[in-house]
Amino acid sequence: MANIKSAKKRILVTASKTANNRTKKSRIKTYIKKFELALEQDNMDEAKAYLRTVEKYLDKAAAKNILSKQAASRKVSRLTKRMNKAM
């Protein structure tokens, strides 16, 4: 356990940032699942809306280094490819 005041603060800050990052990643995964469900049900309008939402959240996560830019880009690319194939 840390003894220095600044080290204790860093532990608290890291814990809160980790929790925030976890919720953001979870939100992305939830919208990806909703997108996939909409594709399975052939609901293209809803799938397009979810794809835009996922892309927005992935770009934000990449900008804040929650995900790497390459990983976010790859996920968007694969989801878009699935969308185009389904149409």
C-alpha atoms as a PDB file:
ATOM      1  CA  MET A   1       0.000   0.000   0.000  1.00  0.00           C
ATOM      2  CA  ALA A   2       1.210   3.485  -0.812  1.00  0.00           C
ATOM      3  CA  ASN A   3       2.436   5.737   1.992  1.00  0.00           C
ATOM      4  CA  ILE A   4       2.901   8.948   0.043  1.00  0.00           C
ATOM      5  CA  LYS A   5      -0.136  11.198  -0.376  1.00  0.00           C
ATOM      6  CA  SER A   6       0.296  11.637  -4.129  1.00  0.00           C
ATOM      7  CA  ALA A   7       0.638   7.873  -4.615  1.00  0.00           C
ATOM      8  CA  LYS A   8      -2.597   7.307  -2.691  1.00  0.00           C
ATOM      9  CA  LYS A   9      -4.315   9.868  -4.907  1.00  0.00           C
ATOM     10  CA  ARG A  10      -3.003   8.160  -8.064  1.00  0.00           C
ATOM     11  CA  ILE A  11      -4.478   4.860  -6.854  1.00  0.00           C
ATOM     12  CA  LEU A  12      -7.894   6.500  -6.436  1.00  0.00           C
ATOM     13  CA  VAL A  13      -7.700   8.304  -9.787  1.00  0.00           C
ATOM     14  CA  THR A  14      -6.638   5.127 -11.577  1.00  0.00           C
ATOM     15  CA  ALA A  15      -9.524   3.196 -10.037  1.00  0.00           C
ATOM     16  CA  SER A  16     -12.095   5.777 -11.132  1.00  0.00           C
ATOM     17  CA  LYS A  17     -10.654   6.033 -14.656  1.00  0.00           C
ATOM     18  CA  THR A  18     -10.622   2.245 -14.950  1.00  0.00           C
ATOM     19  CA  ALA A  19     -14.294   2.132 -13.960  1.00  0.00           C
ATOM     20  CA  ASN A  20     -15.158   4.820 -16.528  1.00  0.00           C
ATOM     21  CA  ASN A  21     -13.253   3.011 -19.270  1.00  0.00           C
ATOM     22  CA  ARG A  22     -14.971  -0.257 -18.378  1.00  0.00           C
ATOM     23  CA  THR A  23     -18.427   1.324 -18.691  1.00  0.00           C
ATOM     24  CA  LYS A  24     -17.518   2.867 -22.048  1.00  0.00           C
ATOM     25  CA  LYS A  25     -16.264  -0.463 -23.395  1.00  0.00           C
ATOM     26  CA  SER A  26     -19.391  -2.159 -22.092  1.00  0.00           C
ATOM     27  CA  ARG A  27     -21.600   0.408 -23.839  1.00  0.00           C
ATOM     28  CA  ILE A  28     -19.774  -0.260 -27.126  1.00  0.00           C
ATOM     29  CA  LYS A  29     -20.242  -4.014 -26.748  1.00  0.00           C
ATOM     30  CA  THR A  30     -23.935  -3.546 -25.972  1.00  0.00           C
ATOM     31  CA  TYR A  31     -24.523  -1.498 -29.114  1.00  0.00           C
ATOM     32  CA  ILE A  32     -22.586  -4.019 -31.210  1.00  0.00           C
ATOM     33  CA  LYS A  33     -24.882  -6.761 -29.897  1.00  0.00           C
ATOM     34  CA  LYS A  34     -27.946  -4.635 -30.692  1.00  0.00           C
ATOM     35  CA  PHE A  35     -26.556  -4.048 -34.199  1.00  0.00           C
ATOM     36  CA  GLU A  36     -26.048  -7.780 -34.733  1.00  0.00           C
ATOM     37  CA  LEU A  37     -29.543  -8.540 -33.459  1.00  0.00           C
ATOM     38  CA  ALA A  38     -31.038  -5.984 -35.842  1.00  0.00           C
ATOM     39  CA  LEU A  39     -29.119  -7.584 -38.732  1.00  0.00           C
ATOM     40  CA  GLU A  40     -30.404 -11.042 -37.789  1.00  0.00           C
ATOM     41  CA  GLN A  41     -33.968  -9.734 -37.789  1.00  0.00           C
ATOM     42  CA  ASP A  42     -33.426  -8.020 -41.203  1.00  0.00           C
ATOM     43  CA  ASN A  43     -34.245  -4.635 -39.674  1.00  0.00           C
ATOM     44  CA  MET A  44     -31.865  -2.552 -41.818  1.00  0.00           C
ATOM     45  CA  ASP A  45     -32.993   0.903 -40.668  1.00  0.00           C
ATOM     46  CA  GLU A  46     -32.403   0.017 -37.045  1.00  0.00           C
ATOM     47  CA  ALA A  47     -29.082  -1.648 -37.922  1.00  0.00           C
ATOM     48  CA  LYS A  48     -27.908   1.506 -39.724  1.00  0.00           C
ATOM     49  CA  ALA A  49     -28.770   3.610 -36.700  1.00  0.00           C
ATOM     50  CA  TYR A  50     -26.872   1.248 -34.378  1.00  0.00           C
ATOM     51  CA  LEU A  51     -23.901   1.211 -36.760  1.00  0.00           C
ATOM     52  CA  ARG A  52     -23.697   5.017 -36.643  1.00  0.00           C
ATOM     53  CA  THR A  53     -23.928   4.915 -32.846  1.00  0.00           C
ATOM     54  CA  VAL A  54     -21.226   2.242 -32.542  1.00  0.00           C
ATOM     55  CA  GLU A  55     -18.971   4.175 -34.890  1.00  0.00           C
ATOM     56  CA  LYS A  56     -19.414   7.343 -32.839  1.00  0.00           C
ATOM     57  CA  TYR A  57     -18.600   5.602 -29.562  1.00  0.00           C
ATOM     58  CA  LEU A  58     -15.620   3.759 -31.072  1.00  0.00           C
ATOM     59  CA  ASP A  59     -14.180   7.017 -32.428  1.00  0.00           C
ATOM     60  CA  LYS A  60     -14.577   8.666 -29.028  1.00  0.00           C
ATOM     61  CA  ALA A  61     -12.929   5.704 -27.297  1.00  0.00           C
ATOM     62  CA  ALA A  62     -10.029   5.797 -29.764  1.00  0.00           C
ATOM     63  CA  ALA A  63      -9.592   9.526 -29.244  1.00  0.00           C
ATOM     64  CA  LYS A  64      -9.316   9.022 -25.472  1.00  0.00           C
ATOM     65  CA  ASN A  65      -7.001   5.983 -25.800  1.00  0.00           C
ATOM     66  CA  ILE A  66      -9.535   3.583 -24.312  1.00  0.00           C
ATOM     67  CA  LEU A  67      -9.055   1.528 -27.490  1.00  0.00           C
ATOM     68  CA  SER A  68      -6.262   1.880 -29.999  1.00  0.00           C
ATOM     69  CA  LYS A  69      -7.115   3.743 -33.196  1.00  0.00           C
ATOM     70  CA  GLN A  70      -6.382   0.622 -35.251  1.00  0.00           C
ATOM     71  CA  ALA A  71      -8.690  -1.551 -33.151  1.00  0.00           C
ATOM     72  CA  ALA A  72     -11.531   0.962 -33.410  1.00  0.00           C
ATOM     73  CA  SER A  73     -11.028   1.313 -37.152  1.00  0.00           C
ATOM     74  CA  ARG A  74     -10.925  -2.460 -37.596  1.00  0.00           C
ATOM     75  CA  LYS A  75     -14.168  -2.930 -35.654  1.00  0.00           C
ATOM     76  CA  VAL A  76     -15.952  -0.223 -37.667  1.00  0.00           C
ATOM     77  CA  SER A  77     -14.679  -1.753 -40.905  1.00  0.00           C
ATOM     78  CA  ARG A  78     -15.854  -5.240 -40.023  1.00  0.00           C
ATOM     79  CA  LEU A  79     -19.281  -4.047 -38.886  1.00  0.00           C
ATOM     80  CA  THR A  80     -19.698  -1.964 -42.044  1.00  0.00           C
ATOM     81  CA  LYS A  81     -18.703  -4.948 -44.160  1.00  0.00           C
ATOM     82  CA  ARG A  82     -21.343  -7.080 -42.415  1.00  0.00           C
ATOM     83  CA  MET A  83     -23.928  -4.359 -42.994  1.00  0.00           C
ATOM     84  CA  ASN A  84     -23.122  -4.113 -46.697  1.00  0.00           C
ATOM     85  CA  LYS A  85     -23.181  -7.886 -47.098  1.00  0.00           C
ATOM     86  CA  ALA A  86     -26.622  -8.103 -45.465  1.00  0.00           C
ATOM     87  CA  MET A  87     -28.120  -5.479 -47.753  1.00  0.00           C
END
